Amino acid sequence: MPKKILLVEDEELIIELLERKLSQAGYEIVVARNGEEGLEKLRTMEKKPDLVLLDIIMPKKGGFEVMEEIRKDENLEKNSSNYNFKFWTTCRVR
């Protein structure tokens, strides 16, 4: 069974790139397009992800806000030590 990654990212280009590369590497990718959607997916996933990739700056809730929500939610918090979180952000050069 492939390892599952929850990708929480709002930039479509980044989503497409990471989804393609990680899928080619054999991972199962679940995408959430903002922090609120990411939290909802964490709450409802039958099999919890092996890795959560969180963008720091997103609409609705950013990556650090998502972490705070996980710490406050008893159901998510008790499993949070089992999650492997990685944070990043991107910037546009014009």
PDB file of N, CA and C in Angstrom:
ATOM      1  N   MET A   1       0.838  -1.177   0.000  1.00  0.00           N
ATOM      2  CA  MET A   1       0.000   0.000   0.000  1.00  0.00           C
ATOM      3  C   MET A   1       0.887   1.246   0.000  1.00  0.00           C
ATOM      4  N   PRO A   2       0.600   2.210  -0.905  1.00  0.00           N
ATOM      5  CA  PRO A   2       1.454   3.403  -0.980  1.00  0.00           C
ATOM      6  C   PRO A   2       1.289   4.302   0.239  1.00  0.00           C
ATOM      7  N   LYS A   3       2.346   5.021   0.555  1.00  0.00           N
ATOM      8  CA  LYS A   3       2.302   6.011   1.632  1.00  0.00           C
ATOM      9  C   LYS A   3       1.389   7.158   1.198  1.00  0.00           C
ATOM     10  N   LYS A   4       0.643   7.702   2.157  1.00  0.00           N
ATOM     11  CA  LYS A   4      -0.313   8.769   1.863  1.00  0.00           C
ATOM     12  C   LYS A   4       0.237  10.114   2.321  1.00  0.00           C
ATOM     13  N   ILE A   5       0.119  11.122   1.439  1.00  0.00           N
ATOM     14  CA  ILE A   5       0.543  12.483   1.739  1.00  0.00           C
ATOM     15  C   ILE A   5      -0.658  13.406   1.608  1.00  0.00           C
ATOM     16  N   LEU A   6      -0.895  14.214   2.642  1.00  0.00           N
ATOM     17  CA  LEU A   6      -1.891  15.277   2.564  1.00  0.00           C
ATOM     18  C   LEU A   6      -1.154  16.551   2.181  1.00  0.00           C
ATOM     19  N   LEU A   7      -1.460  17.077   1.011  1.00  0.00           N
ATOM     20  CA  LEU A   7      -0.847  18.293   0.488  1.00  0.00           C
ATOM     21  C   LEU A   7      -1.830  19.443   0.687  1.00  0.00           C
ATOM     22  N   VAL A   8      -1.471  20.407   1.527  1.00  0.00           N
ATOM     23  CA  VAL A   8      -2.332  21.558   1.803  1.00  0.00           C
ATOM     24  C   VAL A   8      -1.658  22.778   1.179  1.00  0.00           C
ATOM     25  N   GLU A   9      -2.192  23.220   0.049  1.00  0.00           N
ATOM     26  CA  GLU A   9      -1.547  24.251  -0.774  1.00  0.00           C
ATOM     27  C   GLU A   9      -2.624  24.982  -1.562  1.00  0.00           C
ATOM     28  N   ASP A  10      -2.471  26.296  -1.727  1.00  0.00           N
ATOM     29  CA  ASP A  10      -3.467  27.072  -2.461  1.00  0.00           C
ATOM     30  C   ASP A  10      -3.040  27.433  -3.881  1.00  0.00           C
ATOM     31  N   GLU A  11      -1.803  27.269  -4.235  1.00  0.00           N
ATOM     32  CA  GLU A  11      -1.315  27.621  -5.576  1.00  0.00           C
ATOM     33  C   GLU A  11      -1.454  26.424  -6.517  1.00  0.00           C
ATOM     34  N   GLU A  12      -2.285  26.579  -7.559  1.00  0.00           N
ATOM     35  CA  GLU A  12      -2.566  25.465  -8.471  1.00  0.00           C
ATOM     36  C   GLU A  12      -1.309  24.912  -9.144  1.00  0.00           C
ATOM     37  N   LEU A  13      -0.407  25.781  -9.548  1.00  0.00           N
ATOM     38  CA  LEU A  13       0.817  25.323 -10.211  1.00  0.00           C
ATOM     39  C   LEU A  13       1.646  24.436  -9.285  1.00  0.00           C
ATOM     40  N   ILE A  14       1.757  24.834  -8.024  1.00  0.00           N
ATOM     41  CA  ILE A  14       2.506  24.041  -7.039  1.00  0.00           C
ATOM     42  C   ILE A  14       1.803  22.707  -6.800  1.00  0.00           C
ATOM     43  N   ILE A  15       0.473  22.749  -6.708  1.00  0.00           N
ATOM     44  CA  ILE A  15      -0.298  21.516  -6.518  1.00  0.00           C
ATOM     45  C   ILE A  15      -0.037  20.553  -7.669  1.00  0.00           C
ATOM     46  N   GLU A  16      -0.168  21.049  -8.894  1.00  0.00           N
ATOM     47  CA  GLU A  16       0.034  20.192 -10.070  1.00  0.00           C
ATOM     48  C   GLU A  16       1.433  19.595 -10.089  1.00  0.00           C
ATOM     49  N   LEU A  17       2.439  20.412  -9.823  1.00  0.00           N
ATOM     50  CA  LEU A  17       3.825  19.945  -9.844  1.00  0.00           C
ATOM     51  C   LEU A  17       4.070  18.881  -8.779  1.00  0.00           C
ATOM     52  N   LEU A  18       3.704  19.181  -7.538  1.00  0.00           N
ATOM     53  CA  LEU A  18       3.946  18.226  -6.450  1.00  0.00           C
ATOM     54  C   LEU A  18       3.112  16.963  -6.611  1.00  0.00           C
ATOM     55  N   GLU A  19       1.864  17.128  -7.024  1.00  0.00           N
ATOM     56  CA  GLU A  19       1.002  15.963  -7.201  1.00  0.00           C
ATOM     57  C   GLU A  19       1.573  15.022  -8.267  1.00  0.00           C
ATOM     58  N   ARG A  20       2.031  15.590  -9.378  1.00  0.00           N
ATOM     59  CA  ARG A  20       2.600  14.773 -10.456  1.00  0.00           C
ATOM     60  C   ARG A  20       3.883  14.070 -10.000  1.00  0.00           C
ATOM     61  N   LYS A  21       4.794  14.825  -9.411  1.00  0.00           N
ATOM     62  CA  LYS A  21       6.084  14.247  -9.010  1.00  0.00           C
ATOM     63  C   LYS A  21       5.925  13.207  -7.898  1.00  0.00           C
ATOM     64  N   LEU A  22       5.115  13.512  -6.911  1.00  0.00           N
ATOM     65  CA  LEU A  22       4.946  12.581  -5.795  1.00  0.00           C
ATOM     66  C   LEU A  22       4.165  11.339  -6.212  1.00  0.00           C
ATOM     67  N   SER A  23       3.192  11.498  -7.097  1.00  0.00           N
ATOM     68  CA  SER A  23       2.455  10.333  -7.614  1.00  0.00           C
ATOM     69  C   SER A  23       3.383   9.430  -8.421  1.00  0.00           C
ATOM     70  N   GLN A  24       4.234  10.045  -9.234  1.00  0.00           N
ATOM     71  CA  GLN A  24       5.203   9.264 -10.011  1.00  0.00           C
ATOM     72  C   GLN A  24       6.154   8.499  -9.101  1.00  0.00           C
ATOM     73  N   ALA A  25       6.418   9.047  -7.930  1.00  0.00           N
ATOM     74  CA  ALA A  25       7.312   8.391  -6.967  1.00  0.00           C
ATOM     75  C   ALA A  25       6.585   7.314  -6.161  1.00  0.00           C
ATOM     76  N   GLY A  26       5.282   7.146  -6.417  1.00  0.00           N
ATOM     77  CA  GLY A  26       4.542   6.060  -5.785  1.00  0.00           C
ATOM     78  C   GLY A  26       3.708   6.436  -4.575  1.00  0.00           C
ATOM     79  N   TYR A  27       3.569   7.725  -4.296  1.00  0.00           N
ATOM     80  CA  TYR A  27       2.774   8.165  -3.152  1.00  0.00           C
ATOM     81  C   TYR A  27       1.321   8.393  -3.549  1.00  0.00           C
ATOM     82  N   GLU A  28       0.422   8.184  -2.598  1.00  0.00           N
ATOM     83  CA  GLU A  28      -0.982   8.554  -2.770  1.00  0.00           C
ATOM     84  C   GLU A  28      -1.119   9.986  -2.262  1.00  0.00           C
ATOM     85  N   ILE A  29      -1.655  10.879  -3.090  1.00  0.00           N
ATOM     86  CA  ILE A  29      -1.741  12.294  -2.746  1.00  0.00           C
ATOM     87  C   ILE A  29      -3.198  12.690  -2.527  1.00  0.00           C
ATOM     88  N   VAL A  30      -3.445  13.351  -1.406  1.00  0.00           N
ATOM     89  CA  VAL A  30      -4.746  13.948  -1.116  1.00  0.00           C
ATOM     90  C   VAL A  30      -4.506  15.449  -1.036  1.00  0.00           C
ATOM     91  N   VAL A  31      -5.287  16.233  -1.788  1.00  0.00           N
ATOM     92  CA  VAL A  31      -5.063  17.675  -1.869  1.00  0.00           C
ATOM     93  C   VAL A  31      -6.153  18.434  -1.115  1.00  0.00           C
ATOM     94  N   ALA A  32      -5.727  19.433  -0.354  1.00  0.00           N
ATOM     95  CA  ALA A  32      -6.621  20.418   0.255  1.00  0.00           C
ATOM     96  C   ALA A  32      -6.112  21.784  -0.185  1.00  0.00           C
ATOM     97  N   ARG A  33      -7.019  22.676  -0.563  1.00  0.00           N
ATOM     98  CA  ARG A  33      -6.616  23.952  -1.142  1.00  0.00           C
ATOM     99  C   ARG A  33      -6.574  25.125  -0.155  1.00  0.00           C
ATOM    100  N   ASN A  34      -6.812  24.844   1.104  1.00  0.00           N
ATOM    101  CA  ASN A  34      -6.638  25.855   2.153  1.00  0.00           C
ATOM    102  C   ASN A  34      -6.586  25.134   3.496  1.00  0.00           C
ATOM    103  N   GLY A  35      -6.258  25.878   4.532  1.00  0.00           N
ATOM    104  CA  GLY A  35      -6.091  25.268   5.847  1.00  0.00           C
ATOM    105  C   GLY A  35      -7.360  24.647   6.401  1.00  0.00           C
ATOM    106  N   GLU A  36      -8.506  25.311   6.198  1.00  0.00           N
ATOM    107  CA  GLU A  36      -9.768  24.762   6.695  1.00  0.00           C
ATOM    108  C   GLU A  36     -10.087  23.424   6.034  1.00  0.00           C
ATOM    109  N   GLU A  37      -9.881  23.361   4.718  1.00  0.00           N
ATOM    110  CA  GLU A  37     -10.113  22.102   4.002  1.00  0.00           C
ATOM    111  C   GLU A  37      -9.133  21.027   4.473  1.00  0.00           C
ATOM    112  N   GLY A  38      -7.905  21.418   4.747  1.00  0.00           N
ATOM    113  CA  GLY A  38      -6.914  20.469   5.251  1.00  0.00           C
ATOM    114  C   GLY A  38      -7.320  19.874   6.585  1.00  0.00           C
ATOM    115  N   LEU A  39      -7.817  20.718   7.491  1.00  0.00           N
ATOM    116  CA  LEU A  39      -8.290  20.228   8.788  1.00  0.00           C
ATOM    117  C   LEU A  39      -9.468  19.281   8.622  1.00  0.00           C
ATOM    118  N   GLU A  40     -10.396  19.645   7.744  1.00  0.00           N
ATOM    119  CA  GLU A  40     -11.562  18.786   7.514  1.00  0.00           C
ATOM    120  C   GLU A  40     -11.134  17.425   6.970  1.00  0.00           C
ATOM    121  N   LYS A  41     -10.177  17.422   6.056  1.00  0.00           N
ATOM    122  CA  LYS A  41      -9.705  16.143   5.510  1.00  0.00           C
ATOM    123  C   LYS A  41      -9.007  15.318   6.584  1.00  0.00           C
ATOM    124  N   LEU A  42      -8.220  15.961   7.444  1.00  0.00           N
ATOM    125  CA  LEU A  42      -7.579  15.233   8.544  1.00  0.00           C
ATOM    126  C   LEU A  42      -8.620  14.599   9.462  1.00  0.00           C
ATOM    127  N   ARG A  43      -9.699  15.334   9.707  1.00  0.00           N
ATOM    128  CA  ARG A  43     -10.751  14.836  10.604  1.00  0.00           C
ATOM    129  C   ARG A  43     -11.535  13.675  10.000  1.00  0.00           C
ATOM    130  N   THR A  44     -11.655  13.649   8.680  1.00  0.00           N
ATOM    131  CA  THR A  44     -12.537  12.662   8.046  1.00  0.00           C
ATOM    132  C   THR A  44     -11.812  11.527   7.330  1.00  0.00           C
ATOM    133  N   MET A  45     -10.504  11.605   7.188  1.00  0.00           N
ATOM    134  CA  MET A  45      -9.762  10.544   6.499  1.00  0.00           C
ATOM    135  C   MET A  45      -9.846   9.247   7.288  1.00  0.00           C
ATOM    136  N   GLU A  46     -10.127   8.172   6.572  1.00  0.00           N
ATOM    137  CA  GLU A  46     -10.159   6.863   7.228  1.00  0.00           C
ATOM    138  C   GLU A  46      -8.754   6.438   7.637  1.00  0.00           C
ATOM    139  N   LYS A  47      -7.811   6.544   6.688  1.00  0.00           N
ATOM    140  CA  LYS A  47      -6.403   6.239   6.977  1.00  0.00           C
ATOM    141  C   LYS A  47      -5.662   7.568   7.058  1.00  0.00           C
ATOM    142  N   LYS A  48      -5.103   7.847   8.213  1.00  0.00           N
ATOM    143  CA  LYS A  48      -4.397   9.110   8.407  1.00  0.00           C
ATOM    144  C   LYS A  48      -3.161   9.167   7.513  1.00  0.00           C
ATOM    145  N   PRO A  49      -2.770  10.375   7.070  1.00  0.00           N
ATOM    146  CA  PRO A  49      -1.614  10.499   6.179  1.00  0.00           C
ATOM    147  C   PRO A  49      -0.298  10.201   6.892  1.00  0.00           C
ATOM    148  N   ASP A  50       0.657   9.724   6.109  1.00  0.00           N
ATOM    149  CA  ASP A  50       2.005   9.488   6.624  1.00  0.00           C
ATOM    150  C   ASP A  50       2.798  10.793   6.698  1.00  0.00           C
ATOM    151  N   LEU A  51       2.394  11.764   5.878  1.00  0.00           N
ATOM    152  CA  LEU A  51       3.076  13.052   5.821  1.00  0.00           C
ATOM    153  C   LEU A  51       2.043  14.125   5.508  1.00  0.00           C
ATOM    154  N   VAL A  52       2.161  15.281   6.159  1.00  0.00           N
ATOM    155  CA  VAL A  52       1.315  16.434   5.862  1.00  0.00           C
ATOM    156  C   VAL A  52       2.231  17.555   5.396  1.00  0.00           C
ATOM    157  N   LEU A  53       2.052  17.990   4.155  1.00  0.00           N
ATOM    158  CA  LEU A  53       2.806  19.115   3.606  1.00  0.00           C
ATOM    159  C   LEU A  53       1.919  20.348   3.693  1.00  0.00           C
ATOM    160  N   LEU A  54       2.330  21.337   4.469  1.00  0.00           N
ATOM    161  CA  LEU A  54       1.522  22.527   4.735  1.00  0.00           C
ATOM    162  C   LEU A  54       2.200  23.781   4.212  1.00  0.00           C
ATOM    163  N   ASP A  55       1.495  24.504   3.361  1.00  0.00           N
ATOM    164  CA  ASP A  55       1.944  25.834   2.977  1.00  0.00           C
ATOM    165  C   ASP A  55       1.748  26.739   4.192  1.00  0.00           C
ATOM    166  N   ILE A  56       2.640  27.660   4.425  1.00  0.00           N
ATOM    167  CA  ILE A  56       2.526  28.550   5.577  1.00  0.00           C
ATOM    168  C   ILE A  56       1.481  29.632   5.334  1.00  0.00           C
ATOM    169  N   ILE A  57       1.480  30.216   4.141  1.00  0.00           N
ATOM    170  CA  ILE A  57       0.580  31.332   3.835  1.00  0.00           C
ATOM    171  C   ILE A  57      -0.500  30.858   2.870  1.00  0.00           C
ATOM    172  N   MET A  58      -1.741  30.806   3.380  1.00  0.00           N
ATOM    173  CA  MET A  58      -2.893  30.375   2.574  1.00  0.00           C
ATOM    174  C   MET A  58      -4.113  31.171   2.997  1.00  0.00           C
ATOM    175  N   PRO A  59      -5.139  31.216   2.122  1.00  0.00           N
ATOM    176  CA  PRO A  59      -6.392  31.847   2.541  1.00  0.00           C
ATOM    177  C   PRO A  59      -7.092  30.999   3.600  1.00  0.00           C
ATOM    178  N   LYS A  60      -7.943  31.628   4.351  1.00  0.00           N
ATOM    179  CA  LYS A  60      -8.758  31.013   5.410  1.00  0.00           C
ATOM    180  C   LYS A  60      -7.926  30.631   6.620  1.00  0.00           C
ATOM    181  N   LYS A  61      -6.971  29.728   6.494  1.00  0.00           N
ATOM    182  CA  LYS A  61      -6.071  29.356   7.596  1.00  0.00           C
ATOM    183  C   LYS A  61      -4.717  28.997   7.005  1.00  0.00           C
ATOM    184  N   GLY A  62      -3.668  29.574   7.575  1.00  0.00           N
ATOM    185  CA  GLY A  62      -2.318  29.240   7.154  1.00  0.00           C
ATOM    186  C   GLY A  62      -1.800  28.014   7.887  1.00  0.00           C
ATOM    187  N   GLY A  63      -0.619  27.573   7.530  1.00  0.00           N
ATOM    188  CA  GLY A  63      -0.040  26.362   8.097  1.00  0.00           C
ATOM    189  C   GLY A  63       0.113  26.383   9.608  1.00  0.00           C
ATOM    190  N   PHE A  64       0.561  27.514  10.160  1.00  0.00           N
ATOM    191  CA  PHE A  64       0.733  27.586  11.608  1.00  0.00           C
ATOM    192  C   PHE A  64      -0.611  27.591  12.333  1.00  0.00           C
ATOM    193  N   GLU A  65      -1.617  28.213  11.718  1.00  0.00           N
ATOM    194  CA  GLU A  65      -2.965  28.188  12.298  1.00  0.00           C
ATOM    195  C   GLU A  65      -3.525  26.770  12.296  1.00  0.00           C
ATOM    196  N   VAL A  66      -3.234  26.021  11.246  1.00  0.00           N
ATOM    197  CA  VAL A  66      -3.670  24.620  11.181  1.00  0.00           C
ATOM    198  C   VAL A  66      -3.056  23.839  12.340  1.00  0.00           C
ATOM    199  N   MET A  67      -1.766  24.062  12.595  1.00  0.00           N
ATOM    200  CA  MET A  67      -1.116  23.368  13.711  1.00  0.00           C
ATOM    201  C   MET A  67      -1.776  23.723  15.046  1.00  0.00           C
ATOM    202  N   GLU A  68      -2.128  24.988  15.234  1.00  0.00           N
ATOM    203  CA  GLU A  68      -2.806  25.400  16.468  1.00  0.00           C
ATOM    204  C   GLU A  68      -4.156  24.705  16.604  1.00  0.00           C
ATOM    205  N   GLU A  69      -4.895  24.600  15.506  1.00  0.00           N
ATOM    206  CA  GLU A  69      -6.196  23.917  15.532  1.00  0.00           C
ATOM    207  C   GLU A  69      -6.027  22.442  15.891  1.00  0.00           C
ATOM    208  N   ILE A  70      -5.001  21.821  15.374  1.00  0.00           N
ATOM    209  CA  ILE A  70      -4.745  20.407  15.683  1.00  0.00           C
ATOM    210  C   ILE A  70      -4.470  20.247  17.173  1.00  0.00           C
ATOM    211  N   ARG A  71      -3.699  21.163  17.736  1.00  0.00           N
ATOM    212  CA  ARG A  71      -3.393  21.096  19.176  1.00  0.00           C
ATOM    213  C   ARG A  71      -4.641  21.293  20.036  1.00  0.00           C
ATOM    214  N   LYS A  72      -5.605  22.082  19.545  1.00  0.00           N
ATOM    215  CA  LYS A  72      -6.833  22.359  20.298  1.00  0.00           C
ATOM    216  C   LYS A  72      -7.883  21.261  20.143  1.00  0.00           C
ATOM    217  N   ASP A  73      -7.818  20.506  19.057  1.00  0.00           N
ATOM    218  CA  ASP A  73      -8.817  19.474  18.758  1.00  0.00           C
ATOM    219  C   ASP A  73      -8.370  18.156  19.390  1.00  0.00           C
ATOM    220  N   GLU A  74      -9.098  17.695  20.385  1.00  0.00           N
ATOM    221  CA  GLU A  74      -8.700  16.481  21.112  1.00  0.00           C
ATOM    222  C   GLU A  74      -8.550  15.274  20.198  1.00  0.00           C
ATOM    223  N   ASN A  75      -9.448  15.122  19.241  1.00  0.00           N
ATOM    224  CA  ASN A  75      -9.378  13.964  18.341  1.00  0.00           C
ATOM    225  C   ASN A  75      -8.150  14.013  17.440  1.00  0.00           C
ATOM    226  N   LEU A  76      -7.795  15.200  16.971  1.00  0.00           N
ATOM    227  CA  LEU A  76      -6.605  15.329  16.126  1.00  0.00           C
ATOM    228  C   LEU A  76      -5.333  15.354  16.964  1.00  0.00           C
ATOM    229  N   GLU A  77      -5.375  16.013  18.108  1.00  0.00           N
ATOM    230  CA  GLU A  77      -4.180  16.184  18.945  1.00  0.00           C
ATOM    231  C   GLU A  77      -3.626  14.849  19.423  1.00  0.00           C
ATOM    232  N   LYS A  78      -4.502  13.931  19.787  1.00  0.00           N
ATOM    233  CA  LYS A  78      -4.004  12.652  20.300  1.00  0.00           C
ATOM    234  C   LYS A  78      -3.261  11.854  19.232  1.00  0.00           C
ATOM    235  N   ASN A  79      -3.523  12.157  17.954  1.00  0.00           N
ATOM    236  CA  ASN A  79      -2.812  11.496  16.862  1.00  0.00           C
ATOM    237  C   ASN A  79      -1.677  12.348  16.303  1.00  0.00           C
ATOM    238  N   SER A  80      -1.553  13.598  16.783  1.00  0.00           N
ATOM    239  CA  SER A  80      -0.604  14.517  16.150  1.00  0.00           C
ATOM    240  C   SER A  80       0.841  14.056  16.262  1.00  0.00           C
ATOM    241  N   SER A  81       1.172  13.289  17.288  1.00  0.00           N
ATOM    242  CA  SER A  81       2.548  12.798  17.390  1.00  0.00           C
ATOM    243  C   SER A  81       2.838  11.764  16.310  1.00  0.00           C
ATOM    244  N   ASN A  82       1.788  11.218  15.707  1.00  0.00           N
ATOM    245  CA  ASN A  82       1.960  10.250  14.624  1.00  0.00           C
ATOM    246  C   ASN A  82       2.084  10.924  13.264  1.00  0.00           C
ATOM    247  N   TYR A  83       1.764  12.228  13.185  1.00  0.00           N
ATOM    248  CA  TYR A  83       1.852  12.950  11.921  1.00  0.00           C
ATOM    249  C   TYR A  83       3.270  13.458  11.725  1.00  0.00           C
ATOM    250  N   ASN A  84       3.695  13.459  10.482  1.00  0.00           N
ATOM    251  CA  ASN A  84       4.964  14.063  10.110  1.00  0.00           C
ATOM    252  C   ASN A  84       4.615  15.318   9.316  1.00  0.00           C
ATOM    253  N   PHE A  85       4.842  16.495   9.890  1.00  0.00           N
ATOM    254  CA  PHE A  85       4.498  17.760   9.251  1.00  0.00           C
ATOM    255  C   PHE A  85       5.733  18.407   8.652  1.00  0.00           C
ATOM    256  N   LYS A  86       5.557  18.986   7.470  1.00  0.00           N
ATOM    257  CA  LYS A  86       6.590  19.794   6.830  1.00  0.00           C
ATOM    258  C   LYS A  86       5.922  21.081   6.370  1.00  0.00           C
ATOM    259  N   PHE A  87       6.571  22.211   6.628  1.00  0.00           N
ATOM    260  CA  PHE A  87       6.042  23.520   6.250  1.00  0.00           C
ATOM    261  C   PHE A  87       6.902  24.112   5.145  1.00  0.00           C
ATOM    262  N   TRP A  88       6.294  24.961   4.319  1.00  0.00           N
ATOM    263  CA  TRP A  88       7.039  25.719   3.326  1.00  0.00           C
ATOM    264  C   TRP A  88       6.184  26.880   2.873  1.00  0.00           C
ATOM    265  N   THR A  89       6.784  27.772   2.160  1.00  0.00           N
ATOM    266  CA  THR A  89       6.042  28.829   1.497  1.00  0.00           C
ATOM    267  C   THR A  89       6.746  29.132   0.187  1.00  0.00           C
ATOM    268  N   THR A  90       6.009  29.709  -0.725  1.00  0.00           N
ATOM    269  CA  THR A  90       6.582  30.085  -2.017  1.00  0.00           C
ATOM    270  C   THR A  90       6.384  31.579  -2.201  1.00  0.00           C
ATOM    271  N   CYS A  91       7.212  32.170  -3.028  1.00  0.00           N
ATOM    272  CA  CYS A  91       7.020  33.580  -3.353  1.00  0.00           C
ATOM    273  C   CYS A  91       7.169  33.742  -4.852  1.00  0.00           C
ATOM    274  N   ARG A  92       6.524  34.751  -5.342  1.00  0.00           N
ATOM    275  CA  ARG A  92       6.600  35.037  -6.777  1.00  0.00           C
ATOM    276  C   ARG A  92       7.625  36.133  -7.012  1.00  0.00           C
ATOM    277  N   VAL A  93       8.432  35.931  -8.015  1.00  0.00           N
ATOM    278  CA  VAL A  93       9.395  36.950  -8.414  1.00  0.00           C
ATOM    279  C   VAL A  93       8.848  37.596  -9.670  1.00  0.00           C
ATOM    280  N   ARG A  94       8.715  38.894  -9.643  1.00  0.00           N
ATOM    281  CA  ARG A  94       8.143  39.603 -10.804  1.00  0.00           C
ATOM    282  C   ARG A  94       9.163  40.506 -11.423  1.00  0.00           C
TER     283      ARG A  94
END
